[in-house]
Amino acid sequence: MAKAVGGTLDIVVNNAAIRPHKPFLEMDEGFWHNVISVDMHSAFYTGQAFVPGMVEKGWGRVVNLTSQSLRAPIPVLGLSNSFKSYQR
């Protein structure tokens, strides 16, 4: 992807996330998959797109940003809290 626009990347920052405010018992499968897609798959696909170029040139960094709920879970964000702890 970076090569398509004429270059490579040295640093990639993943900062995609949504904060679903829905009690667990009110979530349906579609809601669950949407949160997983944004919060977790986006980092995977970004890595797949850009890490090979970093490996090829022998240097690069991937920074995954998360939220304060990693250290202090927010009660109404159970699903988001779970994904953030996974990224630790």
C-alpha atoms as a PDB file:
ATOM      1  CA  MET A   1       0.000   0.000   0.000  1.00  0.00           C
ATOM      2  CA  ALA A   2       2.729   2.507   0.934  1.00  0.00           C
ATOM      3  CA  LYS A   3       4.680   1.517  -2.172  1.00  0.00           C
ATOM      4  CA  ALA A   4       1.617   2.319  -4.272  1.00  0.00           C
ATOM      5  CA  VAL A   5       1.978   5.965  -3.256  1.00  0.00           C
ATOM      6  CA  GLY A   6       5.744   5.988  -3.718  1.00  0.00           C
ATOM      7  CA  GLY A   7       7.338   5.041  -0.420  1.00  0.00           C
ATOM      8  CA  THR A   8       7.488   2.983   2.739  1.00  0.00           C
ATOM      9  CA  LEU A   9       6.599   3.646   6.340  1.00  0.00           C
ATOM     10  CA  ASP A  10       8.921   3.637   9.330  1.00  0.00           C
ATOM     11  CA  ILE A  11       6.216   3.967  11.997  1.00  0.00           C
ATOM     12  CA  VAL A  12       2.595   2.826  11.993  1.00  0.00           C
ATOM     13  CA  VAL A  13       0.188   4.007  14.693  1.00  0.00           C
ATOM     14  CA  ASN A  14      -2.997   1.999  15.228  1.00  0.00           C
ATOM     15  CA  ASN A  15      -5.639   4.130  16.932  1.00  0.00           C
ATOM     16  CA  ALA A  16      -8.913   2.726  15.609  1.00  0.00           C
ATOM     17  CA  ALA A  17     -11.534   1.931  18.220  1.00  0.00           C
ATOM     18  CA  ILE A  18     -15.174   2.310  19.020  1.00  0.00           C
ATOM     19  CA  ARG A  19     -16.628   2.545  22.488  1.00  0.00           C
ATOM     20  CA  PRO A  20     -19.851   0.578  22.609  1.00  0.00           C
ATOM     21  CA  HIS A  21     -22.137   1.725  25.393  1.00  0.00           C
ATOM     22  CA  LYS A  22     -24.412  -1.273  25.631  1.00  0.00           C
ATOM     23  CA  PRO A  23     -24.981  -3.722  28.491  1.00  0.00           C
ATOM     24  CA  PHE A  24     -23.730  -7.211  27.709  1.00  0.00           C
ATOM     25  CA  LEU A  25     -27.197  -8.781  27.767  1.00  0.00           C
ATOM     26  CA  GLU A  26     -28.420  -6.281  25.154  1.00  0.00           C
ATOM     27  CA  MET A  27     -25.665  -7.090  22.638  1.00  0.00           C
ATOM     28  CA  ASP A  28     -26.424  -9.172  19.590  1.00  0.00           C
ATOM     29  CA  GLU A  29     -23.957 -11.032  17.378  1.00  0.00           C
ATOM     30  CA  GLY A  30     -23.799  -8.262  14.767  1.00  0.00           C
ATOM     31  CA  PHE A  31     -22.938  -5.683  17.420  1.00  0.00           C
ATOM     32  CA  TRP A  32     -20.209  -7.963  18.825  1.00  0.00           C
ATOM     33  CA  HIS A  33     -18.645  -8.564  15.400  1.00  0.00           C
ATOM     34  CA  ASN A  34     -18.664  -4.857  14.538  1.00  0.00           C
ATOM     35  CA  VAL A  35     -16.702  -4.010  17.696  1.00  0.00           C
ATOM     36  CA  ILE A  36     -14.220  -6.843  17.070  1.00  0.00           C
ATOM     37  CA  SER A  37     -13.791  -5.718  13.474  1.00  0.00           C
ATOM     38  CA  VAL A  38     -12.907  -2.147  14.383  1.00  0.00           C
ATOM     39  CA  ASP A  39     -10.981  -2.713  17.631  1.00  0.00           C
ATOM     40  CA  MET A  40      -8.939  -5.762  16.696  1.00  0.00           C
ATOM     41  CA  HIS A  41      -9.015  -6.554  12.994  1.00  0.00           C
ATOM     42  CA  SER A  42      -7.924  -3.057  12.034  1.00  0.00           C
ATOM     43  CA  ALA A  43      -4.575  -3.526  13.826  1.00  0.00           C
ATOM     44  CA  PHE A  44      -4.113  -6.922  12.163  1.00  0.00           C
ATOM     45  CA  TYR A  45      -4.787  -5.633   8.649  1.00  0.00           C
ATOM     46  CA  THR A  46      -2.597  -2.574   9.162  1.00  0.00           C
ATOM     47  CA  GLY A  47       0.245  -4.837  10.274  1.00  0.00           C
ATOM     48  CA  GLN A  48      -0.235  -7.125   7.296  1.00  0.00           C
ATOM     49  CA  ALA A  49      -0.071  -4.136   4.961  1.00  0.00           C
ATOM     50  CA  PHE A  50       2.960  -2.338   6.384  1.00  0.00           C
ATOM     51  CA  VAL A  51       5.149  -4.643   8.479  1.00  0.00           C
ATOM     52  CA  PRO A  52       6.572  -6.525   5.454  1.00  0.00           C
ATOM     53  CA  GLY A  53       8.137  -3.277   4.212  1.00  0.00           C
ATOM     54  CA  MET A  54       9.608  -2.620   7.647  1.00  0.00           C
ATOM     55  CA  VAL A  55      11.099  -6.115   7.742  1.00  0.00           C
ATOM     56  CA  GLU A  56      12.476  -5.674   4.237  1.00  0.00           C
ATOM     57  CA  LYS A  57      14.384  -2.519   5.167  1.00  0.00           C
ATOM     58  CA  GLY A  58      15.354  -3.872   8.598  1.00  0.00           C
ATOM     59  CA  TRP A  59      13.630  -1.231  10.712  1.00  0.00           C
ATOM     60  CA  GLY A  60      10.193  -0.061  11.736  1.00  0.00           C
ATOM     61  CA  ARG A  61       7.824   0.376  14.642  1.00  0.00           C
ATOM     62  CA  VAL A  62       4.164  -0.416  15.258  1.00  0.00           C
ATOM     63  CA  VAL A  63       2.446   1.549  18.010  1.00  0.00           C
ATOM     64  CA  ASN A  64      -0.930   0.280  19.237  1.00  0.00           C
ATOM     65  CA  LEU A  65      -2.858   2.908  21.181  1.00  0.00           C
ATOM     66  CA  THR A  66      -5.586   1.848  23.537  1.00  0.00           C
ATOM     67  CA  SER A  67      -7.433   3.620  26.340  1.00  0.00           C
ATOM     68  CA  GLN A  68      -7.349   4.242  30.045  1.00  0.00           C
ATOM     69  CA  SER A  69      -9.760   1.325  30.468  1.00  0.00           C
ATOM     70  CA  LEU A  70      -6.725  -0.937  30.156  1.00  0.00           C
ATOM     71  CA  ARG A  71      -5.626   0.022  33.669  1.00  0.00           C
ATOM     72  CA  ALA A  72      -8.968   1.080  35.157  1.00  0.00           C
ATOM     73  CA  PRO A  73     -11.933  -0.639  33.453  1.00  0.00           C
ATOM     74  CA  ILE A  74     -14.952   1.556  32.800  1.00  0.00           C
ATOM     75  CA  PRO A  75     -18.120  -0.220  34.046  1.00  0.00           C
ATOM     76  CA  VAL A  76     -20.370   0.539  31.038  1.00  0.00           C
ATOM     77  CA  LEU A  77     -17.701  -0.528  28.531  1.00  0.00           C
ATOM     78  CA  GLY A  78     -17.380  -4.245  29.300  1.00  0.00           C
ATOM     79  CA  LEU A  79     -16.787  -5.326  25.713  1.00  0.00           C
ATOM     80  CA  SER A  80     -14.306  -2.536  25.014  1.00  0.00           C
ATOM     81  CA  ASN A  81     -12.499  -3.199  28.316  1.00  0.00           C
ATOM     82  CA  SER A  82     -12.052  -6.842  27.299  1.00  0.00           C
ATOM     83  CA  PHE A  83     -10.473  -5.948  23.951  1.00  0.00           C
ATOM     84  CA  LYS A  84      -8.175  -3.370  25.488  1.00  0.00           C
ATOM     85  CA  SER A  85      -6.785  -5.897  27.966  1.00  0.00           C
ATOM     86  CA  TYR A  86      -6.180  -8.286  25.062  1.00  0.00           C
ATOM     87  CA  GLN A  87      -3.941  -5.707  23.387  1.00  0.00           C
ATOM     88  CA  ARG A  88      -1.714  -5.317  26.424  1.00  0.00           C
END
